[in-house]
């Protein structure tokens, strides 16, 4: 039993550090009237932002989206987030597009508590 637990912990912890090293970092910071998204991943990312309250109502796929080149920062006004209601949490989805015209295969998300 101890061996199984140690093995599981080593896989989880090892996987997390590899994920961080491979993917880099995307940081989202709320400001009074906007979100600031920083891309430190080493690649261009694409993103979409949604009001958390409408997620169950939308049919969406990561095939479009605005991009942020590596090392850059984007500022998105809350008024530009589709159907955003002040005070609601936001979800920022971001992904890499393998090739132009293809959809992202893996999506990461960050919940921004407002």
PDB file of N, CA and C in Angstrom:
ATOM      1  N   UNK A   1       0.821  -1.190   0.000  1.00  0.00           N
ATOM      2  CA  UNK A   1       0.000   0.000   0.000  1.00  0.00           C
ATOM      3  C   UNK A   1       0.868   1.259   0.000  1.00  0.00           C
ATOM      4  N   UNK A   2       1.926   1.257   0.837  1.00  0.00           N
ATOM      5  CA  UNK A   2       2.811   2.426   0.893  1.00  0.00           C
ATOM      6  C   UNK A   2       3.496   2.662  -0.448  1.00  0.00           C
ATOM      7  N   UNK A   3       3.884   1.567  -1.096  1.00  0.00           N
ATOM      8  CA  UNK A   3       4.559   1.696  -2.394  1.00  0.00           C
ATOM      9  C   UNK A   3       3.616   2.334  -3.413  1.00  0.00           C
ATOM     10  N   UNK A   4       2.358   1.916  -3.406  1.00  0.00           N
ATOM     11  CA  UNK A   4       1.380   2.465  -4.346  1.00  0.00           C
ATOM     12  C   UNK A   4       1.172   3.953  -4.098  1.00  0.00           C
ATOM     13  N   UNK A   5       1.097   4.354  -2.832  1.00  0.00           N
ATOM     14  CA  UNK A   5       0.904   5.767  -2.505  1.00  0.00           C
ATOM     15  C   UNK A   5       2.129   6.579  -2.925  1.00  0.00           C
ATOM     16  N   UNK A   6       3.325   6.071  -2.630  1.00  0.00           N
ATOM     17  CA  UNK A   6       4.550   6.777  -3.029  1.00  0.00           C
ATOM     18  C   UNK A   6       4.659   6.895  -4.542  1.00  0.00           C
ATOM     19  N   UNK A   7       4.312   5.834  -5.242  1.00  0.00           N
ATOM     20  CA  UNK A   7       4.349   5.865  -6.701  1.00  0.00           C
ATOM     21  C   UNK A   7       3.353   6.891  -7.236  1.00  0.00           C
ATOM     22  N   UNK A   8       2.153   6.907  -6.697  1.00  0.00           N
ATOM     23  CA  UNK A   8       1.147   7.870  -7.132  1.00  0.00           C
ATOM     24  C   UNK A   8       1.611   9.301  -6.856  1.00  0.00           C
ATOM     25  N   UNK A   9       2.150   9.564  -5.678  1.00  0.00           N
ATOM     26  CA  UNK A   9       2.651  10.905  -5.360  1.00  0.00           C
ATOM     27  C   UNK A   9       3.784  11.319  -6.280  1.00  0.00           C
ATOM     28  N   UNK A  10       4.695  10.419  -6.584  1.00  0.00           N
ATOM     29  CA  UNK A  10       5.813  10.776  -7.461  1.00  0.00           C
ATOM     30  C   UNK A  10       5.327  11.077  -8.880  1.00  0.00           C
ATOM     31  N   UNK A  11       4.295  10.352  -9.349  1.00  0.00           N
ATOM     32  CA  UNK A  11       3.744  10.644 -10.669  1.00  0.00           C
ATOM     33  C   UNK A  11       3.057  12.003 -10.700  1.00  0.00           C
ATOM     34  N   UNK A  12       2.291  12.291  -9.651  1.00  0.00           N
ATOM     35  CA  UNK A  12       1.577  13.571  -9.597  1.00  0.00           C
ATOM     36  C   UNK A  12       2.562  14.719  -9.508  1.00  0.00           C
ATOM     37  N   UNK A  13       3.494  14.654  -8.572  1.00  0.00           N
ATOM     38  CA  UNK A  13       4.452  15.745  -8.386  1.00  0.00           C
ATOM     39  C   UNK A  13       5.388  15.880  -9.574  1.00  0.00           C
ATOM     40  N   UNK A  14       5.841  14.774 -10.105  1.00  0.00           N
ATOM     41  CA  UNK A  14       6.713  14.816 -11.283  1.00  0.00           C
ATOM     42  C   UNK A  14       5.991  15.374 -12.491  1.00  0.00           C
ATOM     43  N   UNK A  15       4.732  14.995 -12.668  1.00  0.00           N
ATOM     44  CA  UNK A  15       3.940  15.502 -13.786  1.00  0.00           C
ATOM     45  C   UNK A  15       3.721  16.998 -13.698  1.00  0.00           C
ATOM     46  N   UNK A  16       3.503  17.499 -12.501  1.00  0.00           N
ATOM     47  CA  UNK A  16       3.278  18.939 -12.343  1.00  0.00           C
ATOM     48  C   UNK A  16       4.511  19.727 -12.710  1.00  0.00           C
ATOM     49  N   UNK A  17       5.673  19.300 -12.265  1.00  0.00           N
ATOM     50  CA  UNK A  17       6.878  20.070 -12.564  1.00  0.00           C
ATOM     51  C   UNK A  17       7.209  20.003 -14.054  1.00  0.00           C
ATOM     52  N   UNK A  18       6.972  18.877 -14.700  1.00  0.00           N
ATOM     53  CA  UNK A  18       7.207  18.788 -16.137  1.00  0.00           C
ATOM     54  C   UNK A  18       6.236  19.677 -16.893  1.00  0.00           C
ATOM     55  N   UNK A  19       4.978  19.699 -16.454  1.00  0.00           N
ATOM     56  CA  UNK A  19       3.973  20.529 -17.106  1.00  0.00           C
ATOM     57  C   UNK A  19       4.363  22.002 -17.040  1.00  0.00           C
ATOM     58  N   UNK A  20       4.790  22.456 -15.869  1.00  0.00           N
ATOM     59  CA  UNK A  20       5.184  23.848 -15.721  1.00  0.00           C
ATOM     60  C   UNK A  20       6.397  24.171 -16.582  1.00  0.00           C
ATOM     61  N   UNK A  21       7.366  23.281 -16.619  1.00  0.00           N
ATOM     62  CA  UNK A  21       8.577  23.540 -17.403  1.00  0.00           C
ATOM     63  C   UNK A  21       8.266  23.557 -18.898  1.00  0.00           C
ATOM     64  N   UNK A  22       7.375  22.641 -19.335  1.00  0.00           N
ATOM     65  CA  UNK A  22       7.073  22.558 -20.757  1.00  0.00           C
ATOM     66  C   UNK A  22       6.170  23.707 -21.217  1.00  0.00           C
ATOM     67  N   UNK A  23       5.209  24.074 -20.406  1.00  0.00           N
ATOM     68  CA  UNK A  23       4.198  25.035 -20.818  1.00  0.00           C
ATOM     69  C   UNK A  23       4.536  26.486 -20.474  1.00  0.00           C
ATOM     70  N   UNK A  24       5.433  26.720 -19.526  1.00  0.00           N
ATOM     71  CA  UNK A  24       5.684  28.091 -19.119  1.00  0.00           C
ATOM     72  C   UNK A  24       4.562  28.600 -18.246  1.00  0.00           C
ATOM     73  N   UNK A  25       4.225  29.882 -18.395  1.00  0.00           N
ATOM     74  CA  UNK A  25       3.240  30.458 -17.486  1.00  0.00           C
ATOM     75  C   UNK A  25       2.369  31.487 -18.184  1.00  0.00           C
ATOM     76  N   UNK A  26       1.092  31.426 -17.880  1.00  0.00           N
ATOM     77  CA  UNK A  26       0.141  32.452 -18.275  1.00  0.00           C
ATOM     78  C   UNK A  26      -0.407  33.016 -16.978  1.00  0.00           C
ATOM     79  N   UNK A  27      -0.364  34.331 -16.852  1.00  0.00           N
ATOM     80  CA  UNK A  27      -0.838  34.970 -15.630  1.00  0.00           C
ATOM     81  C   UNK A  27      -1.971  35.927 -15.964  1.00  0.00           C
ATOM     82  N   UNK A  28      -3.024  35.907 -15.138  1.00  0.00           N
ATOM     83  CA  UNK A  28      -4.168  36.795 -15.333  1.00  0.00           C
ATOM     84  C   UNK A  28      -4.360  37.593 -14.053  1.00  0.00           C
ATOM     85  N   UNK A  29      -4.404  38.920 -14.204  1.00  0.00           N
ATOM     86  CA  UNK A  29      -4.593  39.807 -13.062  1.00  0.00           C
ATOM     87  C   UNK A  29      -5.761  40.746 -13.325  1.00  0.00           C
ATOM     88  N   UNK A  30      -6.746  40.778 -12.417  1.00  0.00           N
ATOM     89  CA  UNK A  30      -7.833  41.742 -12.593  1.00  0.00           C
ATOM     90  C   UNK A  30      -7.388  43.139 -12.166  1.00  0.00           C
ATOM     91  N   UNK A  31      -7.807  44.117 -12.914  1.00  0.00           N
ATOM     92  CA  UNK A  31      -7.617  45.527 -12.605  1.00  0.00           C
ATOM     93  C   UNK A  31      -9.008  46.126 -12.433  1.00  0.00           C
ATOM     94  N   UNK A  32      -9.124  47.399 -12.055  1.00  0.00           N
ATOM     95  CA  UNK A  32     -10.467  47.965 -11.837  1.00  0.00           C
ATOM     96  C   UNK A  32     -11.417  47.850 -13.031  1.00  0.00           C
ATOM     97  N   UNK A  33     -10.921  48.027 -14.259  1.00  0.00           N
ATOM     98  CA  UNK A  33     -11.810  47.990 -15.430  1.00  0.00           C
ATOM     99  C   UNK A  33     -11.402  46.974 -16.486  1.00  0.00           C
ATOM    100  N   UNK A  34     -10.403  46.134 -16.191  1.00  0.00           N
ATOM    101  CA  UNK A  34      -9.880  45.239 -17.225  1.00  0.00           C
ATOM    102  C   UNK A  34      -9.158  44.047 -16.604  1.00  0.00           C
ATOM    103  N   UNK A  35      -8.897  43.046 -17.463  1.00  0.00           N
ATOM    104  CA  UNK A  35      -8.016  41.933 -17.109  1.00  0.00           C
ATOM    105  C   UNK A  35      -6.691  42.137 -17.813  1.00  0.00           C
ATOM    106  N   UNK A  36      -5.603  41.798 -17.137  1.00  0.00           N
ATOM    107  CA  UNK A  36      -4.273  41.824 -17.737  1.00  0.00           C
ATOM    108  C   UNK A  36      -3.845  40.369 -17.880  1.00  0.00           C
ATOM    109  N   UNK A  37      -3.530  39.937 -19.121  1.00  0.00           N
ATOM    110  CA  UNK A  37      -3.078  38.569 -19.381  1.00  0.00           C
ATOM    111  C   UNK A  37      -1.640  38.639 -19.856  1.00  0.00           C
ATOM    112  N   UNK A  38      -0.739  37.955 -19.134  1.00  0.00           N
ATOM    113  CA  UNK A  38       0.682  37.905 -19.483  1.00  0.00           C
ATOM    114  C   UNK A  38       1.013  36.524 -20.027  1.00  0.00           C
ATOM    115  N   UNK A  39       1.709  36.474 -21.144  1.00  0.00           N
ATOM    116  CA  UNK A  39       2.106  35.212 -21.768  1.00  0.00           C
ATOM    117  C   UNK A  39       3.608  35.022 -21.617  1.00  0.00           C
ATOM    118  N   UNK A  40       4.007  34.062 -20.804  1.00  0.00           N
ATOM    119  CA  UNK A  40       5.417  33.713 -20.619  1.00  0.00           C
ATOM    120  C   UNK A  40       5.630  32.224 -20.936  1.00  0.00           C
ATOM    121  N   UNK A  41       4.971  31.748 -21.990  1.00  0.00           N
ATOM    122  CA  UNK A  41       5.003  30.314 -22.302  1.00  0.00           C
ATOM    123  C   UNK A  41       6.096  29.912 -23.297  1.00  0.00           C
ATOM    124  N   UNK A  42       6.635  30.876 -24.012  1.00  0.00           N
ATOM    125  CA  UNK A  42       7.589  30.537 -25.066  1.00  0.00           C
ATOM    126  C   UNK A  42       6.928  30.371 -26.423  1.00  0.00           C
ATOM    127  N   UNK A  43       5.584  30.463 -26.461  1.00  0.00           N
ATOM    128  CA  UNK A  43       4.828  30.320 -27.707  1.00  0.00           C
ATOM    129  C   UNK A  43       3.689  31.341 -27.725  1.00  0.00           C
ATOM    130  N   UNK A  44       3.138  31.573 -28.905  1.00  0.00           N
ATOM    131  CA  UNK A  44       1.928  32.391 -29.003  1.00  0.00           C
ATOM    132  C   UNK A  44       0.757  31.590 -28.450  1.00  0.00           C
ATOM    133  N   UNK A  45      -0.055  32.235 -27.614  1.00  0.00           N
ATOM    134  CA  UNK A  45      -1.264  31.581 -27.111  1.00  0.00           C
ATOM    135  C   UNK A  45      -2.486  32.262 -27.724  1.00  0.00           C
ATOM    136  N   UNK A  46      -3.588  31.553 -27.713  1.00  0.00           N
ATOM    137  CA  UNK A  46      -4.894  32.086 -28.118  1.00  0.00           C
ATOM    138  C   UNK A  46      -5.785  31.993 -26.894  1.00  0.00           C
ATOM    139  N   UNK A  47      -6.736  32.915 -26.779  1.00  0.00           N
ATOM    140  CA  UNK A  47      -7.577  32.907 -25.588  1.00  0.00           C
ATOM    141  C   UNK A  47      -8.992  33.354 -25.893  1.00  0.00           C
ATOM    142  N   UNK A  48      -9.893  32.972 -24.998  1.00  0.00           N
ATOM    143  CA  UNK A  48     -11.272  33.455 -24.953  1.00  0.00           C
ATOM    144  C   UNK A  48     -11.624  33.647 -23.489  1.00  0.00           C
ATOM    145  N   UNK A  49     -12.474  34.608 -23.216  1.00  0.00           N
ATOM    146  CA  UNK A  49     -12.888  34.903 -21.846  1.00  0.00           C
ATOM    147  C   UNK A  49     -14.411  34.852 -21.775  1.00  0.00           C
ATOM    148  N   UNK A  50     -14.920  34.183 -20.748  1.00  0.00           N
ATOM    149  CA  UNK A  50     -16.358  34.067 -20.567  1.00  0.00           C
ATOM    150  C   UNK A  50     -16.744  34.361 -19.124  1.00  0.00           C
ATOM    151  N   UNK A  51     -17.931  34.914 -18.942  1.00  0.00           N
ATOM    152  CA  UNK A  51     -18.560  35.039 -17.642  1.00  0.00           C
ATOM    153  C   UNK A  51     -18.834  33.618 -17.159  1.00  0.00           C
ATOM    154  N   UNK A  52     -18.424  33.298 -15.971  1.00  0.00           N
ATOM    155  CA  UNK A  52     -18.565  31.935 -15.453  1.00  0.00           C
ATOM    156  C   UNK A  52     -20.024  31.484 -15.400  1.00  0.00           C
ATOM    157  N   UNK A  53     -20.938  32.419 -15.234  1.00  0.00           N
ATOM    158  CA  UNK A  53     -22.361  32.090 -15.106  1.00  0.00           C
ATOM    159  C   UNK A  53     -22.970  31.579 -16.417  1.00  0.00           C
ATOM    160  N   UNK A  54     -22.357  31.854 -17.574  1.00  0.00           N
ATOM    161  CA  UNK A  54     -22.964  31.433 -18.844  1.00  0.00           C
ATOM    162  C   UNK A  54     -22.290  30.202 -19.456  1.00  0.00           C
ATOM    163  N   UNK A  55     -21.302  29.634 -18.792  1.00  0.00           N
ATOM    164  CA  UNK A  55     -20.562  28.515 -19.386  1.00  0.00           C
ATOM    165  C   UNK A  55     -21.455  27.343 -19.780  1.00  0.00           C
ATOM    166  N   UNK A  56     -22.462  27.057 -18.996  1.00  0.00           N
ATOM    167  CA  UNK A  56     -23.354  25.930 -19.303  1.00  0.00           C
ATOM    168  C   UNK A  56     -24.266  26.218 -20.489  1.00  0.00           C
ATOM    169  N   UNK A  57     -24.336  27.464 -20.910  1.00  0.00           N
ATOM    170  CA  UNK A  57     -25.263  27.855 -21.972  1.00  0.00           C
ATOM    171  C   UNK A  57     -24.607  28.017 -23.342  1.00  0.00           C
ATOM    172  N   UNK A  58     -23.294  27.944 -23.399  1.00  0.00           N
ATOM    173  CA  UNK A  58     -22.609  28.215 -24.668  1.00  0.00           C
ATOM    174  C   UNK A  58     -22.083  26.939 -25.309  1.00  0.00           C
ATOM    175  N   UNK A  59     -21.968  26.972 -26.610  1.00  0.00           N
ATOM    176  CA  UNK A  59     -21.378  25.887 -27.393  1.00  0.00           C
ATOM    177  C   UNK A  59     -20.164  26.495 -28.078  1.00  0.00           C
ATOM    178  N   UNK A  60     -18.987  26.173 -27.594  1.00  0.00           N
ATOM    179  CA  UNK A  60     -17.782  26.867 -28.007  1.00  0.00           C
ATOM    180  C   UNK A  60     -16.647  25.877 -28.232  1.00  0.00           C
ATOM    181  N   UNK A  61     -15.768  26.175 -29.161  1.00  0.00           N
ATOM    182  CA  UNK A  61     -14.589  25.339 -29.417  1.00  0.00           C
ATOM    183  C   UNK A  61     -13.378  26.249 -29.599  1.00  0.00           C
ATOM    184  N   UNK A  62     -12.187  25.781 -29.237  1.00  0.00           N
ATOM    185  CA  UNK A  62     -10.979  26.617 -29.309  1.00  0.00           C
ATOM    186  C   UNK A  62     -10.387  26.698 -30.714  1.00  0.00           C
ATOM    187  N   UNK A  63     -11.167  27.162 -31.666  1.00  0.00           N
ATOM    188  CA  UNK A  63     -10.691  27.256 -33.048  1.00  0.00           C
ATOM    189  C   UNK A  63     -10.377  28.696 -33.456  1.00  0.00           C
ATOM    190  N   UNK A  64     -10.907  29.631 -32.715  1.00  0.00           N
ATOM    191  CA  UNK A  64     -10.642  31.032 -33.003  1.00  0.00           C
ATOM    192  C   UNK A  64     -10.049  31.637 -31.740  1.00  0.00           C
ATOM    193  N   UNK A  65     -10.160  32.891 -31.587  1.00  0.00           N
ATOM    194  CA  UNK A  65      -9.667  33.529 -30.378  1.00  0.00           C
ATOM    195  C   UNK A  65      -8.584  34.531 -30.704  1.00  0.00           C
ATOM    196  N   UNK A  66      -8.421  35.448 -29.807  1.00  0.00           N
ATOM    197  CA  UNK A  66      -7.393  36.470 -29.944  1.00  0.00           C
ATOM    198  C   UNK A  66      -6.067  35.854 -29.526  1.00  0.00           C
ATOM    199  N   UNK A  67      -4.964  36.317 -30.104  1.00  0.00           N
ATOM    200  CA  UNK A  67      -3.686  35.741 -29.710  1.00  0.00           C
ATOM    201  C   UNK A  67      -2.824  36.746 -28.959  1.00  0.00           C
ATOM    202  N   UNK A  68      -1.901  36.198 -28.175  1.00  0.00           N
ATOM    203  CA  UNK A  68      -0.901  36.982 -27.462  1.00  0.00           C
ATOM    204  C   UNK A  68       0.448  36.323 -27.733  1.00  0.00           C
ATOM    205  N   UNK A  69       1.371  37.005 -28.417  1.00  0.00           N
ATOM    206  CA  UNK A  69       2.700  36.431 -28.638  1.00  0.00           C
ATOM    207  C   UNK A  69       3.445  36.234 -27.317  1.00  0.00           C
ATOM    208  N   UNK A  70       4.416  35.355 -27.323  1.00  0.00           N
ATOM    209  CA  UNK A  70       5.231  35.105 -26.137  1.00  0.00           C
ATOM    210  C   UNK A  70       5.877  36.402 -25.652  1.00  0.00           C
ATOM    211  N   UNK A  71       5.893  36.567 -24.337  1.00  0.00           N
ATOM    212  CA  UNK A  71       6.525  37.730 -23.743  1.00  0.00           C
ATOM    213  C   UNK A  71       5.673  38.989 -23.776  1.00  0.00           C
ATOM    214  N   UNK A  72       4.470  38.895 -24.269  1.00  0.00           N
ATOM    215  CA  UNK A  72       3.597  40.065 -24.390  1.00  0.00           C
ATOM    216  C   UNK A  72       2.490  40.038 -23.350  1.00  0.00           C
ATOM    217  N   UNK A  73       1.848  41.180 -23.213  1.00  0.00           N
ATOM    218  CA  UNK A  73       0.755  41.358 -22.265  1.00  0.00           C
ATOM    219  C   UNK A  73      -0.433  41.937 -23.012  1.00  0.00           C
ATOM    220  N   UNK A  74      -1.632  41.449 -22.690  1.00  0.00           N
ATOM    221  CA  UNK A  74      -2.854  41.993 -23.280  1.00  0.00           C
ATOM    222  C   UNK A  74      -3.721  42.567 -22.172  1.00  0.00           C
ATOM    223  N   UNK A  75      -4.412  43.643 -22.487  1.00  0.00           N
ATOM    224  CA  UNK A  75      -5.364  44.237 -21.560  1.00  0.00           C
ATOM    225  C   UNK A  75      -6.742  44.152 -22.199  1.00  0.00           C
ATOM    226  N   UNK A  76      -7.667  43.482 -21.509  1.00  0.00           N
ATOM    227  CA  UNK A  76      -9.018  43.279 -22.032  1.00  0.00           C
ATOM    228  C   UNK A  76     -10.005  43.969 -21.099  1.00  0.00           C
ATOM    229  N   UNK A  77     -10.727  44.942 -21.622  1.00  0.00           N
ATOM    230  CA  UNK A  77     -11.735  45.636 -20.818  1.00  0.00           C
ATOM    231  C   UNK A  77     -12.888  44.695 -20.508  1.00  0.00           C
ATOM    232  N   UNK A  78     -13.442  44.809 -19.313  1.00  0.00           N
ATOM    233  CA  UNK A  78     -14.586  43.974 -18.940  1.00  0.00           C
ATOM    234  C   UNK A  78     -15.751  44.195 -19.894  1.00  0.00           C
ATOM    235  N   UNK A  79     -15.891  45.394 -20.393  1.00  0.00           N
ATOM    236  CA  UNK A  79     -16.983  45.683 -21.328  1.00  0.00           C
ATOM    237  C   UNK A  79     -16.824  44.936 -22.651  1.00  0.00           C
ATOM    238  N   UNK A  80     -15.625  44.415 -22.941  1.00  0.00           N
ATOM    239  CA  UNK A  80     -15.389  43.649 -24.166  1.00  0.00           C
ATOM    240  C   UNK A  80     -15.620  42.145 -23.989  1.00  0.00           C
ATOM    241  N   UNK A  81     -15.909  41.708 -22.769  1.00  0.00           N
ATOM    242  CA  UNK A  81     -16.183  40.288 -22.510  1.00  0.00           C
ATOM    243  C   UNK A  81     -17.661  40.051 -22.756  1.00  0.00           C
ATOM    244  N   UNK A  82     -17.954  39.163 -23.698  1.00  0.00           N
ATOM    245  CA  UNK A  82     -19.321  38.892 -24.123  1.00  0.00           C
ATOM    246  C   UNK A  82     -20.189  38.473 -22.940  1.00  0.00           C
ATOM    247  N   UNK A  83     -21.305  39.162 -22.746  1.00  0.00           N
ATOM    248  CA  UNK A  83     -22.307  38.882 -21.720  1.00  0.00           C
ATOM    249  C   UNK A  83     -21.768  38.935 -20.290  1.00  0.00           C
ATOM    250  N   UNK A  84     -20.714  39.696 -20.056  1.00  0.00           N
ATOM    251  CA  UNK A  84     -20.176  39.805 -18.697  1.00  0.00           C
ATOM    252  C   UNK A  84     -21.085  40.670 -17.830  1.00  0.00           C
ATOM    253  N   UNK A  85     -21.358  40.183 -16.633  1.00  0.00           N
ATOM    254  CA  UNK A  85     -22.128  40.922 -15.640  1.00  0.00           C
ATOM    255  C   UNK A  85     -21.172  41.305 -14.514  1.00  0.00           C
ATOM    256  N   UNK A  86     -21.076  42.576 -14.176  1.00  0.00           N
ATOM    257  CA  UNK A  86     -20.173  43.004 -13.100  1.00  0.00           C
ATOM    258  C   UNK A  86     -20.387  42.190 -11.822  1.00  0.00           C
ATOM    259  N   UNK A  87     -19.281  41.785 -11.223  1.00  0.00           N
ATOM    260  CA  UNK A  87     -19.322  40.982 -10.001  1.00  0.00           C
ATOM    261  C   UNK A  87     -19.249  39.490 -10.236  1.00  0.00           C
ATOM    262  N   UNK A  88     -19.537  39.024 -11.457  1.00  0.00           N
ATOM    263  CA  UNK A  88     -19.434  37.596 -11.766  1.00  0.00           C
ATOM    264  C   UNK A  88     -17.977  37.216 -11.975  1.00  0.00           C
ATOM    265  N   UNK A  89     -17.638  35.979 -11.622  1.00  0.00           N
ATOM    266  CA  UNK A  89     -16.301  35.473 -11.904  1.00  0.00           C
ATOM    267  C   UNK A  89     -16.137  35.279 -13.400  1.00  0.00           C
ATOM    268  N   UNK A  90     -14.891  35.352 -13.862  1.00  0.00           N
ATOM    269  CA  UNK A  90     -14.571  35.131 -15.270  1.00  0.00           C
ATOM    270  C   UNK A  90     -13.719  33.884 -15.410  1.00  0.00           C
ATOM    271  N   UNK A  91     -13.810  33.236 -16.570  1.00  0.00           N
ATOM    272  CA  UNK A  91     -12.953  32.101 -16.887  1.00  0.00           C
ATOM    273  C   UNK A  91     -12.191  32.461 -18.160  1.00  0.00           C
ATOM    274  N   UNK A  92     -10.863  32.401 -18.067  1.00  0.00           N
ATOM    275  CA  UNK A  92     -10.000  32.648 -19.221  1.00  0.00           C
ATOM    276  C   UNK A  92      -9.509  31.288 -19.703  1.00  0.00           C
ATOM    277  N   UNK A  93      -9.890  30.925 -20.931  1.00  0.00           N
ATOM    278  CA  UNK A  93      -9.399  29.706 -21.566  1.00  0.00           C
ATOM    279  C   UNK A  93      -8.258  30.102 -22.485  1.00  0.00           C
ATOM    280  N   UNK A  94      -7.172  29.318 -22.483  1.00  0.00           N
ATOM    281  CA  UNK A  94      -6.066  29.600 -23.401  1.00  0.00           C
ATOM    282  C   UNK A  94      -5.488  28.292 -23.928  1.00  0.00           C
ATOM    283  N   UNK A  95      -4.927  28.379 -25.148  1.00  0.00           N
ATOM    284  CA  UNK A  95      -4.425  27.189 -25.835  1.00  0.00           C
ATOM    285  C   UNK A  95      -3.426  27.598 -26.902  1.00  0.00           C
ATOM    286  N   UNK A  96      -2.741  26.587 -27.443  1.00  0.00           N
ATOM    287  CA  UNK A  96      -1.842  26.764 -28.588  1.00  0.00           C
ATOM    288  C   UNK A  96      -2.548  26.227 -29.815  1.00  0.00           C
ATOM    289  N   UNK A  97      -2.381  26.894 -30.943  1.00  0.00           N
ATOM    290  CA  UNK A  97      -2.905  26.359 -32.208  1.00  0.00           C
ATOM    291  C   UNK A  97      -1.756  25.665 -32.911  1.00  0.00           C
ATOM    292  N   UNK A  98      -1.886  24.361 -33.140  1.00  0.00           N
ATOM    293  CA  UNK A  98      -0.787  23.615 -33.768  1.00  0.00           C
ATOM    294  C   UNK A  98      -0.413  24.172 -35.144  1.00  0.00           C
ATOM    295  N   UNK A  99      -1.409  24.464 -35.971  1.00  0.00           N
ATOM    296  CA  UNK A  99      -1.196  25.024 -37.307  1.00  0.00           C
ATOM    297  C   UNK A  99      -2.327  25.994 -37.589  1.00  0.00           C
ATOM    298  N   UNK A 100      -2.082  26.901 -38.486  1.00  0.00           N
ATOM    299  CA  UNK A 100      -3.129  27.850 -38.858  1.00  0.00           C
ATOM    300  C   UNK A 100      -4.343  27.087 -39.364  1.00  0.00           C
ATOM    301  N   UNK A 101      -5.505  27.449 -38.891  1.00  0.00           N
ATOM    302  CA  UNK A 101      -6.731  26.794 -39.322  1.00  0.00           C
ATOM    303  C   UNK A 101      -7.125  25.594 -38.485  1.00  0.00           C
ATOM    304  N   UNK A 102      -6.241  25.116 -37.594  1.00  0.00           N
ATOM    305  CA  UNK A 102      -6.570  23.984 -36.740  1.00  0.00           C
ATOM    306  C   UNK A 102      -7.037  24.466 -35.383  1.00  0.00           C
ATOM    307  N   UNK A 103      -7.850  23.650 -34.741  1.00  0.00           N
ATOM    308  CA  UNK A 103      -8.311  23.963 -33.392  1.00  0.00           C
ATOM    309  C   UNK A 103      -7.266  23.518 -32.379  1.00  0.00           C
ATOM    310  N   UNK A 104      -7.287  24.168 -31.211  1.00  0.00           N
ATOM    311  CA  UNK A 104      -6.402  23.740 -30.129  1.00  0.00           C
ATOM    312  C   UNK A 104      -6.808  22.370 -29.626  1.00  0.00           C
ATOM    313  N   UNK A 105      -5.842  21.555 -29.281  1.00  0.00           N
ATOM    314  CA  UNK A 105      -6.138  20.203 -28.804  1.00  0.00           C
ATOM    315  C   UNK A 105      -6.197  20.123 -27.287  1.00  0.00           C
ATOM    316  N   UNK A 106      -5.434  20.957 -26.609  1.00  0.00           N
ATOM    317  CA  UNK A 106      -5.455  21.013 -25.158  1.00  0.00           C
ATOM    318  C   UNK A 106      -5.759  22.427 -24.723  1.00  0.00           C
ATOM    319  N   UNK A 107      -6.690  22.557 -23.797  1.00  0.00           N
ATOM    320  CA  UNK A 107      -7.109  23.866 -23.330  1.00  0.00           C
ATOM    321  C   UNK A 107      -6.798  23.962 -21.836  1.00  0.00           C
ATOM    322  N   UNK A 108      -6.220  25.076 -21.443  1.00  0.00           N
ATOM    323  CA  UNK A 108      -6.024  25.382 -20.034  1.00  0.00           C
ATOM    324  C   UNK A 108      -6.973  26.504 -19.657  1.00  0.00           C
ATOM    325  N   UNK A 109      -7.268  26.615 -18.381  1.00  0.00           N
ATOM    326  CA  UNK A 109      -8.166  27.693 -17.960  1.00  0.00           C
ATOM    327  C   UNK A 109      -7.711  28.270 -16.627  1.00  0.00           C
ATOM    328  N   UNK A 110      -8.100  29.508 -16.426  1.00  0.00           N
ATOM    329  CA  UNK A 110      -7.825  30.218 -15.181  1.00  0.00           C
ATOM    330  C   UNK A 110      -9.127  30.885 -14.764  1.00  0.00           C
ATOM    331  N   UNK A 111      -9.565  30.641 -13.544  1.00  0.00           N
ATOM    332  CA  UNK A 111     -10.756  31.280 -13.007  1.00  0.00           C
ATOM    333  C   UNK A 111     -10.311  32.566 -12.301  1.00  0.00           C
ATOM    334  N   UNK A 112     -10.961  33.656 -12.645  1.00  0.00           N
ATOM    335  CA  UNK A 112     -10.670  34.951 -12.033  1.00  0.00           C
ATOM    336  C   UNK A 112     -11.843  35.315 -11.140  1.00  0.00           C
ATOM    337  N   UNK A 113     -11.603  35.272  -9.845  1.00  0.00           N
ATOM    338  CA  UNK A 113     -12.667  35.618  -8.913  1.00  0.00           C
ATOM    339  C   UNK A 113     -12.761  37.125  -8.797  1.00  0.00           C
ATOM    340  N   UNK A 114     -13.956  37.635  -9.017  1.00  0.00           N
ATOM    341  CA  UNK A 114     -14.142  39.082  -9.021  1.00  0.00           C
ATOM    342  C   UNK A 114     -14.704  39.537  -7.727  1.00  0.00           C
TER     343      UNK A 114
END
